[in-house]
C-alpha cells in the first residue's frame, strides 16, 4: 500500500497543491498529515486528494473548530496522537511532536510526526519506523518535502516538491 506523508504546511497553498498533485500522481491509497496546517483556507486544496486523508493538529492551528468542519469533505483530523489502521493492517500513530509518543501503548508499526521541519527517518529499539517527512511549506529551510511509504516493503522516499 502506498501512503503519502506530510507535515508543517503552515498555509503555503502552492506547496499544499504540489503535495496533493504528487500524492495523486503516485496513486497513494492513503495520506497522513502530522500537523500545522494552520488556517481553514488551507483545507480546500486538500479536497482534490483521490484517497483517504487522516491527520492530527499541530501546535500552530488557528481555528480547530473551523478545521474540523472543513475536514468533513476531506477526511479526518484530530488531537494528537491519532491512531489509524490502514487497509493492509499497518498500524500508524500520527502526532505533531515526537515527544507525544512518550507513554503511548506500543500497539503501532509506524509513527509519523513533524514539528522540527527537518526530514528524518529512524527506527526504535523494536525496529519500528519513526518518520518525519520534513516541512511541506519550505518556509524554514527552503526545502519543501513530502514522503512516500510502501507499507509492504517499508521502503520510503523523501521527495522535494
N, C-alpha and C. Protein backbone atom coordinates (compact mmCIF):
# COMPACT_ATOMS: atom_id res chain seq x y z
N UNK A 1 0.85 -1.17 0.00
CA UNK A 1 0.00 0.00 0.00
C UNK A 1 0.89 1.23 0.00
N UNK A 2 0.61 2.18 -0.86
CA UNK A 2 1.40 3.41 -0.93
C UNK A 2 0.72 4.50 -0.12
N UNK A 3 1.47 5.06 0.83
CA UNK A 3 0.95 6.07 1.73
C UNK A 3 1.77 7.35 1.57
N UNK A 4 1.08 8.47 1.38
CA UNK A 4 1.73 9.78 1.33
C UNK A 4 1.80 10.36 2.72
N UNK A 5 2.92 11.01 3.04
CA UNK A 5 3.14 11.61 4.36
C UNK A 5 3.57 13.05 4.19
N UNK A 6 3.01 13.93 5.02
CA UNK A 6 3.48 15.31 5.01
C UNK A 6 3.13 15.99 6.32
N UNK A 7 3.76 17.16 6.55
CA UNK A 7 3.58 17.90 7.80
C UNK A 7 4.01 19.35 7.57
N UNK A 8 3.65 20.18 8.51
CA UNK A 8 4.15 21.56 8.57
C UNK A 8 3.96 22.32 7.26
N UNK A 9 2.70 22.43 6.84
CA UNK A 9 2.40 23.18 5.62
C UNK A 9 2.34 24.68 5.89
N UNK A 10 1.97 25.07 7.08
CA UNK A 10 1.93 26.47 7.50
C UNK A 10 1.33 27.40 6.44
N UNK A 11 0.17 27.01 5.93
CA UNK A 11 -0.60 27.83 4.99
C UNK A 11 0.08 28.08 3.64
N UNK A 12 1.09 27.33 3.29
CA UNK A 12 1.74 27.52 1.99
C UNK A 12 0.88 26.83 0.93
N UNK A 13 -0.09 27.57 0.39
CA UNK A 13 -1.08 26.99 -0.51
C UNK A 13 -0.47 26.37 -1.76
N UNK A 14 0.51 27.02 -2.34
CA UNK A 14 1.12 26.48 -3.56
C UNK A 14 1.76 25.12 -3.28
N UNK A 15 2.44 24.98 -2.15
CA UNK A 15 3.09 23.71 -1.82
C UNK A 15 2.08 22.65 -1.39
N UNK A 16 0.99 23.06 -0.78
CA UNK A 16 -0.07 22.10 -0.47
C UNK A 16 -0.61 21.53 -1.77
N UNK A 17 -0.84 22.40 -2.76
CA UNK A 17 -1.32 21.94 -4.06
C UNK A 17 -0.32 20.99 -4.72
N UNK A 18 0.97 21.34 -4.63
CA UNK A 18 2.01 20.46 -5.20
C UNK A 18 2.03 19.10 -4.50
N UNK A 19 1.88 19.10 -3.18
CA UNK A 19 1.88 17.83 -2.44
C UNK A 19 0.68 16.98 -2.87
N UNK A 20 -0.49 17.58 -2.96
CA UNK A 20 -1.69 16.85 -3.39
C UNK A 20 -1.49 16.29 -4.79
N UNK A 21 -0.95 17.10 -5.67
CA UNK A 21 -0.69 16.65 -7.05
C UNK A 21 0.25 15.45 -7.06
N UNK A 22 1.30 15.51 -6.27
CA UNK A 22 2.27 14.40 -6.23
C UNK A 22 1.65 13.14 -5.63
N UNK A 23 0.88 13.29 -4.56
CA UNK A 23 0.20 12.14 -3.96
C UNK A 23 -0.74 11.48 -4.97
N UNK A 24 -1.47 12.30 -5.73
CA UNK A 24 -2.38 11.76 -6.73
C UNK A 24 -1.63 11.10 -7.89
N UNK A 25 -0.54 11.73 -8.34
CA UNK A 25 0.27 11.13 -9.41
C UNK A 25 0.83 9.78 -9.00
N UNK A 26 1.24 9.68 -7.74
CA UNK A 26 1.83 8.43 -7.24
C UNK A 26 0.76 7.37 -6.96
N UNK A 27 -0.51 7.78 -7.04
CA UNK A 27 -1.63 6.89 -6.74
C UNK A 27 -1.62 6.40 -5.29
N UNK A 28 -1.35 7.33 -4.39
CA UNK A 28 -1.39 7.00 -2.96
C UNK A 28 -2.78 6.48 -2.61
N UNK A 29 -2.79 5.50 -1.72
CA UNK A 29 -4.05 4.92 -1.26
C UNK A 29 -4.49 5.54 0.07
N UNK A 30 -3.60 6.33 0.66
CA UNK A 30 -3.86 6.98 1.94
C UNK A 30 -2.86 8.11 2.08
N UNK A 31 -3.28 9.21 2.70
CA UNK A 31 -2.37 10.30 3.03
C UNK A 31 -2.50 10.59 4.52
N UNK A 32 -1.34 10.69 5.20
CA UNK A 32 -1.28 11.01 6.62
C UNK A 32 -0.59 12.36 6.80
N UNK A 33 -1.14 13.17 7.69
CA UNK A 33 -0.64 14.53 7.93
C UNK A 33 -0.30 14.70 9.40
N UNK A 34 0.90 15.20 9.68
CA UNK A 34 1.38 15.31 11.06
C UNK A 34 1.38 16.74 11.61
N UNK A 35 0.37 17.51 11.26
CA UNK A 35 0.13 18.78 11.94
C UNK A 35 0.74 20.03 11.35
N UNK A 36 0.15 21.15 11.78
CA UNK A 36 0.48 22.51 11.39
C UNK A 36 0.04 22.85 9.97
N UNK A 37 -1.23 22.59 9.70
CA UNK A 37 -1.87 23.12 8.50
C UNK A 37 -2.04 24.62 8.71
N UNK A 38 -2.53 25.02 9.85
CA UNK A 38 -2.70 26.35 10.43
C UNK A 38 -4.08 26.96 10.20
N UNK A 39 -4.43 27.36 8.98
CA UNK A 39 -5.69 28.10 8.78
C UNK A 39 -6.70 27.31 7.95
N UNK A 40 -7.95 27.68 8.10
CA UNK A 40 -9.02 26.99 7.37
C UNK A 40 -8.89 27.16 5.86
N UNK A 41 -8.30 28.25 5.40
CA UNK A 41 -8.17 28.43 3.95
C UNK A 41 -7.17 27.47 3.32
N UNK A 42 -6.45 26.73 4.14
CA UNK A 42 -5.52 25.71 3.62
C UNK A 42 -6.22 24.37 3.37
N UNK A 43 -7.49 24.25 3.76
CA UNK A 43 -8.21 22.99 3.59
C UNK A 43 -8.66 22.75 2.14
N UNK A 44 -9.22 23.72 1.43
CA UNK A 44 -9.76 23.44 0.09
C UNK A 44 -8.81 22.73 -0.89
N UNK A 45 -7.52 23.06 -0.94
CA UNK A 45 -6.66 22.31 -1.87
C UNK A 45 -6.61 20.81 -1.58
N UNK A 46 -6.84 20.42 -0.32
CA UNK A 46 -6.80 19.01 0.06
C UNK A 46 -8.01 18.25 -0.47
N UNK A 47 -9.05 18.95 -0.88
CA UNK A 47 -10.25 18.30 -1.42
C UNK A 47 -9.96 17.59 -2.74
N UNK A 48 -8.86 17.90 -3.37
CA UNK A 48 -8.50 17.26 -4.64
C UNK A 48 -7.79 15.93 -4.45
N UNK A 49 -7.50 15.56 -3.21
CA UNK A 49 -6.90 14.24 -2.96
C UNK A 49 -7.83 13.14 -3.44
N UNK A 50 -7.25 12.11 -4.02
CA UNK A 50 -8.04 10.99 -4.56
C UNK A 50 -7.94 9.77 -3.66
N UNK A 51 -7.70 10.00 -2.39
CA UNK A 51 -7.60 8.90 -1.43
C UNK A 51 -7.99 9.42 -0.06
N UNK A 52 -8.18 8.53 0.91
CA UNK A 52 -8.49 8.98 2.27
C UNK A 52 -7.37 9.81 2.90
N UNK A 53 -7.76 10.71 3.78
CA UNK A 53 -6.84 11.60 4.50
C UNK A 53 -7.08 11.44 5.99
N UNK A 54 -5.99 11.26 6.74
CA UNK A 54 -6.06 11.21 8.20
C UNK A 54 -4.94 12.10 8.73
N UNK A 55 -5.26 12.97 9.66
CA UNK A 55 -4.23 13.86 10.18
C UNK A 55 -4.47 14.25 11.62
N UNK A 56 -3.49 14.97 12.15
CA UNK A 56 -3.60 15.49 13.51
C UNK A 56 -3.30 16.98 13.51
N UNK A 57 -3.72 17.63 14.57
CA UNK A 57 -3.40 19.03 14.75
C UNK A 57 -1.95 19.18 15.18
N UNK A 58 -1.38 20.34 14.85
CA UNK A 58 -0.06 20.70 15.33
C UNK A 58 -0.17 21.71 16.45
N UNK A 59 0.90 22.43 16.69
CA UNK A 59 0.88 23.43 17.76
C UNK A 59 0.64 24.84 17.23
N UNK A 60 0.29 24.97 15.95
CA UNK A 60 0.04 26.29 15.37
C UNK A 60 -1.33 26.44 14.71
N UNK A 61 -2.23 25.49 14.95
CA UNK A 61 -3.54 25.58 14.32
C UNK A 61 -4.30 26.77 14.91
N UNK A 62 -4.84 27.61 14.03
CA UNK A 62 -5.50 28.81 14.50
C UNK A 62 -6.97 28.63 14.85
N UNK A 63 -7.66 27.76 14.13
CA UNK A 63 -9.10 27.62 14.30
C UNK A 63 -9.46 26.14 14.19
N UNK A 64 -9.28 25.42 15.27
CA UNK A 64 -9.51 23.97 15.23
C UNK A 64 -10.95 23.62 14.89
N UNK A 65 -11.90 24.38 15.41
CA UNK A 65 -13.31 24.12 15.12
C UNK A 65 -13.56 24.26 13.63
N UNK A 66 -13.02 25.31 13.03
CA UNK A 66 -13.17 25.53 11.59
C UNK A 66 -12.46 24.47 10.77
N UNK A 67 -11.30 24.03 11.23
CA UNK A 67 -10.57 22.97 10.51
C UNK A 67 -11.36 21.66 10.55
N UNK A 68 -11.90 21.32 11.70
CA UNK A 68 -12.70 20.09 11.81
C UNK A 68 -13.88 20.16 10.85
N UNK A 69 -14.55 21.31 10.80
CA UNK A 69 -15.69 21.48 9.89
C UNK A 69 -15.25 21.34 8.44
N UNK A 70 -14.14 21.95 8.10
CA UNK A 70 -13.63 21.85 6.73
C UNK A 70 -13.24 20.44 6.33
N UNK A 71 -12.80 19.68 7.30
CA UNK A 71 -12.34 18.32 7.00
C UNK A 71 -13.48 17.33 6.82
N UNK A 72 -14.71 17.74 7.03
CA UNK A 72 -15.82 16.82 6.79
C UNK A 72 -15.86 16.40 5.32
N UNK A 73 -15.31 17.21 4.44
CA UNK A 73 -15.25 16.89 3.00
C UNK A 73 -13.92 16.29 2.58
N UNK A 74 -12.95 16.28 3.47
CA UNK A 74 -11.59 15.85 3.10
C UNK A 74 -11.23 14.52 3.73
N UNK A 75 -11.49 14.38 5.01
CA UNK A 75 -11.07 13.20 5.75
C UNK A 75 -11.25 13.47 7.22
N UNK A 76 -10.31 12.99 8.01
CA UNK A 76 -10.43 13.20 9.45
C UNK A 76 -9.18 13.84 10.01
N UNK A 77 -9.39 14.71 10.99
CA UNK A 77 -8.28 15.37 11.69
C UNK A 77 -8.66 15.45 13.16
N UNK A 78 -7.67 15.29 14.04
CA UNK A 78 -7.97 15.33 15.46
C UNK A 78 -6.75 15.65 16.29
N UNK A 79 -6.96 15.66 17.58
CA UNK A 79 -5.87 15.93 18.51
C UNK A 79 -4.87 14.76 18.49
N UNK A 80 -3.58 15.08 18.55
CA UNK A 80 -2.59 14.00 18.56
C UNK A 80 -2.53 13.32 19.92
N UNK A 81 -2.15 12.08 19.95
CA UNK A 81 -1.85 11.25 18.79
C UNK A 81 -3.12 10.67 18.17
N UNK A 82 -3.08 10.54 16.86
CA UNK A 82 -4.16 9.91 16.11
C UNK A 82 -3.68 8.53 15.70
N UNK A 83 -4.48 7.55 15.99
CA UNK A 83 -4.14 6.17 15.61
C UNK A 83 -5.00 5.78 14.42
N UNK A 84 -4.39 5.06 13.47
CA UNK A 84 -5.12 4.65 12.29
C UNK A 84 -4.56 3.33 11.79
N UNK A 85 -5.43 2.39 11.52
CA UNK A 85 -5.01 1.12 10.93
C UNK A 85 -5.40 1.14 9.46
N UNK A 86 -4.39 1.02 8.60
CA UNK A 86 -4.62 1.06 7.15
C UNK A 86 -5.29 -0.23 6.68
N UNK A 87 -5.78 -0.21 5.45
CA UNK A 87 -6.49 -1.35 4.89
C UNK A 87 -5.65 -2.62 4.88
N UNK A 88 -4.32 -2.46 4.80
CA UNK A 88 -3.45 -3.65 4.78
C UNK A 88 -3.05 -4.10 6.18
N UNK A 89 -3.59 -3.45 7.22
CA UNK A 89 -3.29 -3.84 8.59
C UNK A 89 -2.16 -3.07 9.25
N UNK A 90 -1.46 -2.21 8.51
CA UNK A 90 -0.38 -1.41 9.09
C UNK A 90 -0.98 -0.43 10.10
N UNK A 91 -0.40 -0.43 11.30
CA UNK A 91 -0.91 0.42 12.39
C UNK A 91 -0.04 1.67 12.50
N UNK A 92 -0.65 2.82 12.30
CA UNK A 92 0.04 4.10 12.36
C UNK A 92 -0.34 4.84 13.62
N UNK A 93 0.61 5.62 14.11
CA UNK A 93 0.31 6.63 15.13
C UNK A 93 0.87 7.93 14.56
N UNK A 94 0.03 8.96 14.54
CA UNK A 94 0.38 10.24 13.93
C UNK A 94 0.29 11.31 15.01
N UNK A 95 1.36 12.05 15.17
CA UNK A 95 1.38 13.15 16.14
C UNK A 95 2.21 14.29 15.55
N UNK A 96 2.17 15.42 16.18
CA UNK A 96 2.94 16.54 15.65
C UNK A 96 4.37 16.53 16.18
N UNK A 97 4.53 16.25 17.44
CA UNK A 97 5.87 16.24 18.06
C UNK A 97 6.23 14.82 18.48
N UNK A 98 7.45 14.44 18.23
CA UNK A 98 7.87 13.08 18.58
C UNK A 98 7.65 12.79 20.06
N UNK A 99 7.81 13.80 20.89
CA UNK A 99 7.63 13.58 22.33
C UNK A 99 6.21 13.17 22.69
N UNK A 100 5.24 13.40 21.80
CA UNK A 100 3.87 12.98 22.05
C UNK A 100 3.71 11.46 21.97
N UNK A 101 4.76 10.77 21.55
CA UNK A 101 4.75 9.31 21.54
C UNK A 101 5.03 8.73 22.93
N UNK A 102 5.66 9.52 23.79
CA UNK A 102 6.00 9.04 25.14
C UNK A 102 4.76 8.61 25.90
N UNK A 103 4.87 7.46 26.53
CA UNK A 103 3.78 6.96 27.34
C UNK A 103 2.64 6.33 26.55
N UNK A 104 2.76 6.31 25.23
CA UNK A 104 1.71 5.70 24.41
C UNK A 104 1.89 4.18 24.38
N UNK A 105 0.80 3.44 24.29
CA UNK A 105 0.93 1.99 24.14
C UNK A 105 1.74 1.66 22.88
N UNK A 106 2.39 0.53 22.90
CA UNK A 106 3.27 0.13 21.80
C UNK A 106 2.53 -0.60 20.68
N UNK A 107 1.26 -0.33 20.51
CA UNK A 107 0.46 -1.05 19.52
C UNK A 107 0.44 -0.35 18.16
N UNK A 108 1.61 0.04 17.67
CA UNK A 108 1.73 0.67 16.36
C UNK A 108 2.97 0.13 15.65
N UNK A 109 2.93 0.24 14.32
CA UNK A 109 4.05 -0.21 13.48
C UNK A 109 4.90 0.95 12.98
N UNK A 110 4.23 2.07 12.69
CA UNK A 110 4.91 3.22 12.10
C UNK A 110 4.41 4.49 12.77
N UNK A 111 5.33 5.35 13.19
CA UNK A 111 4.98 6.65 13.76
C UNK A 111 5.34 7.74 12.74
N UNK A 112 4.44 8.70 12.62
CA UNK A 112 4.66 9.85 11.73
C UNK A 112 4.51 11.10 12.58
N UNK A 113 5.48 12.00 12.47
CA UNK A 113 5.44 13.25 13.24
C UNK A 113 6.13 14.34 12.45
N UNK A 114 6.04 15.56 12.91
CA UNK A 114 6.65 16.71 12.25
C UNK A 114 7.32 17.61 13.27
N UNK A 115 6.94 18.90 13.23
CA UNK A 115 7.33 19.92 14.19
C UNK A 115 8.73 20.49 13.97
N UNK A 116 9.74 19.67 13.74
CA UNK A 116 11.11 20.19 13.62
C UNK A 116 11.39 20.77 12.24
N UNK A 117 10.53 20.46 11.28
CA UNK A 117 10.69 20.89 9.89
C UNK A 117 11.87 20.22 9.20
N UNK A 118 12.48 19.25 9.84
CA UNK A 118 13.63 18.53 9.27
C UNK A 118 13.25 17.07 9.03
N UNK A 119 13.42 16.62 7.81
CA UNK A 119 13.12 15.24 7.47
C UNK A 119 14.08 14.31 8.21
N UNK A 120 13.50 13.21 8.73
CA UNK A 120 14.32 12.25 9.45
C UNK A 120 13.60 10.91 9.49
N UNK A 121 14.34 9.85 9.23
CA UNK A 121 13.78 8.50 9.30
C UNK A 121 14.68 7.69 10.22
N UNK A 122 14.08 7.12 11.26
CA UNK A 122 14.84 6.29 12.20
C UNK A 122 14.00 5.06 12.54
N UNK A 123 14.59 4.18 13.30
CA UNK A 123 13.88 3.02 13.83
C UNK A 123 14.11 2.99 15.34
N UNK A 124 13.10 2.53 16.06
CA UNK A 124 13.27 2.41 17.50
C UNK A 124 13.89 1.05 17.82
N UNK A 125 14.04 0.76 19.10
CA UNK A 125 14.67 -0.50 19.53
C UNK A 125 13.90 -1.74 19.08
N UNK A 126 12.62 -1.57 18.78
CA UNK A 126 11.80 -2.69 18.30
C UNK A 126 11.80 -2.81 16.78
N UNK A 127 12.50 -1.89 16.10
CA UNK A 127 12.57 -1.92 14.65
C UNK A 127 11.45 -1.19 13.94
N UNK A 128 10.61 -0.49 14.72
CA UNK A 128 9.51 0.25 14.11
C UNK A 128 10.01 1.55 13.50
N UNK A 129 9.39 1.94 12.38
CA UNK A 129 9.77 3.17 11.70
C UNK A 129 9.23 4.40 12.42
N UNK A 130 10.07 5.42 12.53
CA UNK A 130 9.68 6.74 13.01
C UNK A 130 10.03 7.71 11.90
N UNK A 131 9.02 8.39 11.36
CA UNK A 131 9.21 9.19 10.16
C UNK A 131 8.79 10.64 10.39
N UNK A 132 9.71 11.54 10.10
CA UNK A 132 9.38 12.96 10.00
C UNK A 132 9.58 13.31 8.53
N UNK A 133 8.49 13.61 7.81
CA UNK A 133 8.62 13.89 6.38
C UNK A 133 9.19 15.27 6.05
N UNK A 134 9.55 16.03 7.06
CA UNK A 134 10.09 17.38 6.83
C UNK A 134 8.97 18.39 6.68
N UNK A 135 9.33 19.57 6.23
CA UNK A 135 8.34 20.65 6.10
C UNK A 135 7.83 20.74 4.67
N UNK A 136 6.53 20.71 4.51
CA UNK A 136 5.95 20.89 3.19
C UNK A 136 5.96 22.36 2.80
N UNK A 137 5.95 23.23 3.78
CA UNK A 137 5.92 24.67 3.48
C UNK A 137 7.22 25.16 2.85
N UNK A 138 8.33 24.70 3.36
CA UNK A 138 9.61 25.23 2.90
C UNK A 138 9.95 26.57 3.51
N UNK A 139 9.09 27.09 4.37
CA UNK A 139 9.32 28.43 4.95
C UNK A 139 10.61 28.48 5.77
N UNK A 140 10.94 27.44 6.50
CA UNK A 140 12.07 27.49 7.42
C UNK A 140 13.40 27.19 6.76
N UNK A 141 13.45 26.10 6.00
CA UNK A 141 14.73 25.66 5.42
C UNK A 141 14.79 25.76 3.91
N UNK A 142 13.70 26.17 3.27
CA UNK A 142 13.70 26.35 1.82
C UNK A 142 13.76 25.06 1.03
N UNK A 143 13.45 23.94 1.69
CA UNK A 143 13.48 22.64 1.01
C UNK A 143 12.20 21.88 1.32
N UNK A 144 11.09 22.25 0.67
CA UNK A 144 9.82 21.59 0.96
C UNK A 144 9.84 20.12 0.55
N UNK A 145 9.36 19.27 1.46
CA UNK A 145 9.38 17.83 1.19
C UNK A 145 8.08 17.16 1.59
N UNK A 146 7.87 16.01 0.98
CA UNK A 146 6.84 15.05 1.36
C UNK A 146 7.53 13.69 1.38
N UNK A 147 6.81 12.67 1.82
CA UNK A 147 7.37 11.32 1.79
C UNK A 147 6.34 10.36 1.22
N UNK A 148 6.85 9.32 0.57
CA UNK A 148 6.01 8.23 0.06
C UNK A 148 6.50 6.94 0.70
N UNK A 149 5.58 6.21 1.29
CA UNK A 149 5.91 4.99 2.02
C UNK A 149 5.17 3.80 1.43
N UNK A 150 5.90 2.75 1.11
CA UNK A 150 5.30 1.49 0.70
C UNK A 150 5.20 0.63 1.96
N UNK A 151 4.00 0.37 2.41
CA UNK A 151 3.84 -0.35 3.68
C UNK A 151 4.24 -1.82 3.57
N UNK A 152 4.20 -2.39 2.38
CA UNK A 152 4.56 -3.81 2.22
C UNK A 152 6.05 -4.03 2.39
N UNK A 153 6.85 -3.12 1.83
CA UNK A 153 8.31 -3.27 1.87
C UNK A 153 8.96 -2.38 2.91
N UNK A 154 8.20 -1.39 3.41
CA UNK A 154 8.69 -0.35 4.32
C UNK A 154 9.71 0.56 3.62
N UNK A 155 9.71 0.54 2.28
CA UNK A 155 10.56 1.47 1.53
C UNK A 155 9.96 2.86 1.64
N UNK A 156 10.82 3.84 1.82
CA UNK A 156 10.39 5.22 1.99
C UNK A 156 11.21 6.11 1.09
N UNK A 157 10.54 7.02 0.41
CA UNK A 157 11.27 8.01 -0.38
C UNK A 157 10.85 9.40 0.06
N UNK A 158 11.84 10.23 0.33
CA UNK A 158 11.60 11.65 0.61
C UNK A 158 11.69 12.36 -0.72
N UNK A 159 10.70 13.20 -0.99
CA UNK A 159 10.67 13.90 -2.26
C UNK A 159 10.57 15.39 -2.05
N UNK A 160 11.41 16.10 -2.74
CA UNK A 160 11.33 17.55 -2.72
C UNK A 160 10.24 17.98 -3.68
N UNK A 161 9.40 18.92 -3.24
CA UNK A 161 8.33 19.37 -4.13
C UNK A 161 8.60 20.79 -4.61
